[in-house]
Amino acid sequence: MARWANLALLILFPIAWFAPLMRAGLGLPFFDLDEISVVSGLQALWDTDIFLALLVTIFALFAPYLKTIGLALIQFDLASPRLLPTLATLGKLAMADVFLIALYIVVVKGVGLAKVETAWGLYLFSFCILASLALSLRESAKAR
C-alpha cells in the first residue's frame, strides 16, 4: 500500500505545483485577487531574483520529487535502503518551502497592505510534503 501511495505522489506533486496556493491583491471592492501557484511564483521570481528562484526551484520542485522517486526505487528494491538518510535531507528541504510560503502569508497579512487568502493548492502541497515525510519515516523504520 505504501508503494502505491508514494507513486500517487508522483502525480499529486505536479498538480500541487500548478494549483493556487494563495490569492493575493489589494483587497479593494471590484478588484479580483490574483491566484499564485508554485509555478507562477517561480516565473515571477526568475524575472526578478535568479538566486532566490533557483533556491525555491530546488526546495519546491526538485527536492520533493527526487525524494519521492528515490523512495519508490527503495520500495521496489531497485536502490539500497542506505539512501534513506539522503532522502530525509531532501524531505527537510521540501518542508522549508512550505514554511517559507506560510511565513510570506503571515508577513503580508500582518503588514495589512494587501489581502492574502490561502487556497486549496497550499493544503495539497503541504499534504504531499507531509505524506512523503510519513512514507519515508515508515520506510526508515522498516529498514531497521
Protein backbone atom coordinates (compact mmCIF):
# COMPACT_ATOMS: atom_id res chain seq x y z
CA MET A 1 0.00 0.00 0.00
CA ALA A 2 2.83 2.40 0.87
CA ARG A 3 4.37 1.81 -2.55
CA TRP A 4 1.21 2.94 -4.32
CA ALA A 5 0.75 5.92 -2.00
CA ASN A 6 4.29 7.00 -2.84
CA LEU A 7 3.68 6.55 -6.57
CA ALA A 8 0.50 8.63 -6.24
CA LEU A 9 2.69 11.49 -5.01
CA LEU A 10 4.43 11.47 -8.40
CA ILE A 11 1.07 12.56 -9.83
CA LEU A 12 -0.05 14.78 -6.94
CA PHE A 13 3.14 16.88 -6.75
CA PRO A 14 2.81 18.35 -10.28
CA ILE A 15 -0.88 19.08 -9.62
CA ALA A 16 0.12 20.88 -6.41
CA TRP A 17 2.73 22.94 -8.27
CA PHE A 18 0.10 24.37 -10.62
CA ALA A 19 -2.73 24.62 -8.06
CA PRO A 20 -3.40 28.00 -6.47
CA LEU A 21 -1.51 28.33 -3.18
CA MET A 22 -2.99 31.68 -2.35
CA ARG A 23 -4.93 34.61 -3.70
CA ALA A 24 -3.33 38.00 -3.26
CA GLY A 25 -4.21 41.53 -4.20
CA LEU A 26 -5.18 44.92 -2.89
CA GLY A 27 -8.39 43.60 -1.37
CA LEU A 28 -10.43 46.51 -2.65
CA PRO A 29 -14.01 46.04 -3.82
CA PHE A 30 -14.38 45.21 -7.52
CA PHE A 31 -10.76 44.06 -7.82
CA ASP A 32 -10.12 40.36 -8.23
CA LEU A 33 -7.36 38.69 -6.27
CA ASP A 34 -4.58 37.10 -8.34
CA GLU A 35 -4.03 33.39 -7.83
CA ILE A 36 -0.45 32.42 -7.09
CA SER A 37 0.85 28.89 -7.60
CA VAL A 38 4.31 27.46 -7.11
CA VAL A 39 4.91 27.67 -10.86
CA SER A 40 3.54 31.21 -11.30
CA GLY A 41 5.56 32.35 -8.29
CA LEU A 42 8.68 30.80 -9.77
CA GLN A 43 8.04 32.51 -13.11
CA ALA A 44 7.85 35.87 -11.35
CA LEU A 45 10.98 35.11 -9.32
CA TRP A 46 13.05 34.21 -12.39
CA ASP A 47 12.37 37.71 -13.72
CA THR A 48 13.43 39.49 -10.51
CA ASP A 49 15.78 37.35 -8.39
CA ILE A 50 17.50 34.43 -10.09
CA PHE A 51 19.28 33.18 -6.94
CA LEU A 52 16.05 33.04 -4.92
CA ALA A 53 14.26 31.46 -7.89
CA LEU A 54 16.92 28.76 -8.03
CA LEU A 55 16.57 28.05 -4.30
CA VAL A 56 12.78 27.85 -4.48
CA THR A 57 13.00 25.63 -7.56
CA ILE A 58 15.24 23.24 -5.64
CA PHE A 59 13.05 23.34 -2.50
CA ALA A 60 9.65 23.18 -4.19
CA LEU A 61 10.21 21.07 -7.28
CA PHE A 62 13.40 19.04 -7.29
CA ALA A 63 13.77 18.08 -3.61
CA PRO A 64 10.31 16.55 -3.07
CA TYR A 65 10.18 14.88 -6.48
CA LEU A 66 13.67 13.39 -6.23
CA LYS A 67 12.85 12.18 -2.73
CA THR A 68 9.67 10.50 -3.96
CA ILE A 69 11.48 8.85 -6.86
CA GLY A 70 14.28 7.69 -4.56
CA LEU A 71 11.80 6.25 -2.09
CA ALA A 72 10.00 4.43 -4.90
CA LEU A 73 13.29 2.92 -6.03
CA ILE A 74 13.94 1.67 -2.50
CA GLN A 75 10.39 0.34 -2.10
CA PHE A 76 10.64 -1.65 -5.33
CA ASP A 77 14.13 -2.97 -4.38
CA LEU A 78 15.85 -1.03 -7.16
CA ALA A 79 18.01 1.01 -4.76
CA SER A 80 19.67 0.44 -1.43
CA PRO A 81 17.99 1.48 1.84
CA ARG A 82 21.28 3.25 2.60
CA LEU A 83 19.86 6.14 0.55
CA LEU A 84 17.23 6.85 3.23
CA PRO A 85 19.32 9.45 5.16
CA THR A 86 19.88 11.39 1.93
CA LEU A 87 16.16 11.22 1.16
CA ALA A 88 15.41 12.51 4.67
CA THR A 89 17.58 15.55 3.92
CA LEU A 90 15.68 16.16 0.68
CA GLY A 91 12.44 15.99 2.65
CA LYS A 92 13.67 18.66 5.04
CA LEU A 93 14.49 20.94 2.13
CA ALA A 94 10.98 20.44 0.74
CA MET A 95 9.44 21.23 4.14
CA ALA A 96 11.40 24.50 4.22
CA ASP A 97 9.43 25.64 1.17
CA VAL A 98 6.09 25.12 2.94
CA PHE A 99 7.46 27.14 5.88
CA LEU A 100 8.51 29.99 3.57
CA ILE A 101 5.07 30.14 1.96
CA ALA A 102 3.37 30.23 5.37
CA LEU A 103 5.80 32.93 6.56
CA TYR A 104 5.05 35.01 3.47
CA ILE A 105 1.31 34.81 4.14
CA VAL A 106 1.74 35.82 7.79
CA VAL A 107 4.02 38.76 6.93
CA VAL A 108 1.75 40.12 4.21
CA LYS A 109 -1.36 39.78 6.40
CA GLY A 110 0.48 41.46 9.29
CA VAL A 111 1.54 44.47 7.21
CA GLY A 112 -2.02 44.99 6.07
CA LEU A 113 -1.13 46.46 2.68
CA ALA A 114 -2.65 43.62 0.74
CA LYS A 115 -5.21 40.92 1.12
CA VAL A 116 -3.97 37.32 1.08
CA GLU A 117 -6.17 34.25 1.21
CA THR A 118 -4.91 30.70 1.31
CA ALA A 119 -6.17 28.43 -1.45
CA TRP A 120 -6.61 24.69 -1.81
CA GLY A 121 -3.24 24.21 -3.50
CA LEU A 122 -1.40 25.16 -0.31
CA TYR A 123 -3.17 22.35 1.51
CA LEU A 124 -2.49 19.90 -1.33
CA PHE A 125 1.19 20.87 -1.47
CA SER A 126 1.50 20.60 2.32
CA PHE A 127 -0.27 17.22 2.26
CA CYS A 128 2.12 15.92 -0.40
CA ILE A 129 5.17 17.02 1.61
CA LEU A 130 3.81 15.56 4.87
CA ALA A 131 2.71 12.32 3.17
CA SER A 132 6.16 11.96 1.65
CA LEU A 133 7.69 12.53 5.08
CA ALA A 134 5.42 9.91 6.68
CA LEU A 135 6.19 7.37 3.95
CA SER A 136 9.93 7.87 4.31
CA LEU A 137 9.72 7.56 8.11
CA ARG A 138 7.78 4.33 7.65
CA GLU A 139 10.39 3.03 5.23
CA SER A 140 13.22 4.01 7.61
CA ALA A 141 11.54 2.15 10.48
CA LYS A 142 11.05 -0.88 8.23
CA ALA A 143 14.72 -0.85 7.19
CA ARG A 144 15.95 -1.03 10.78
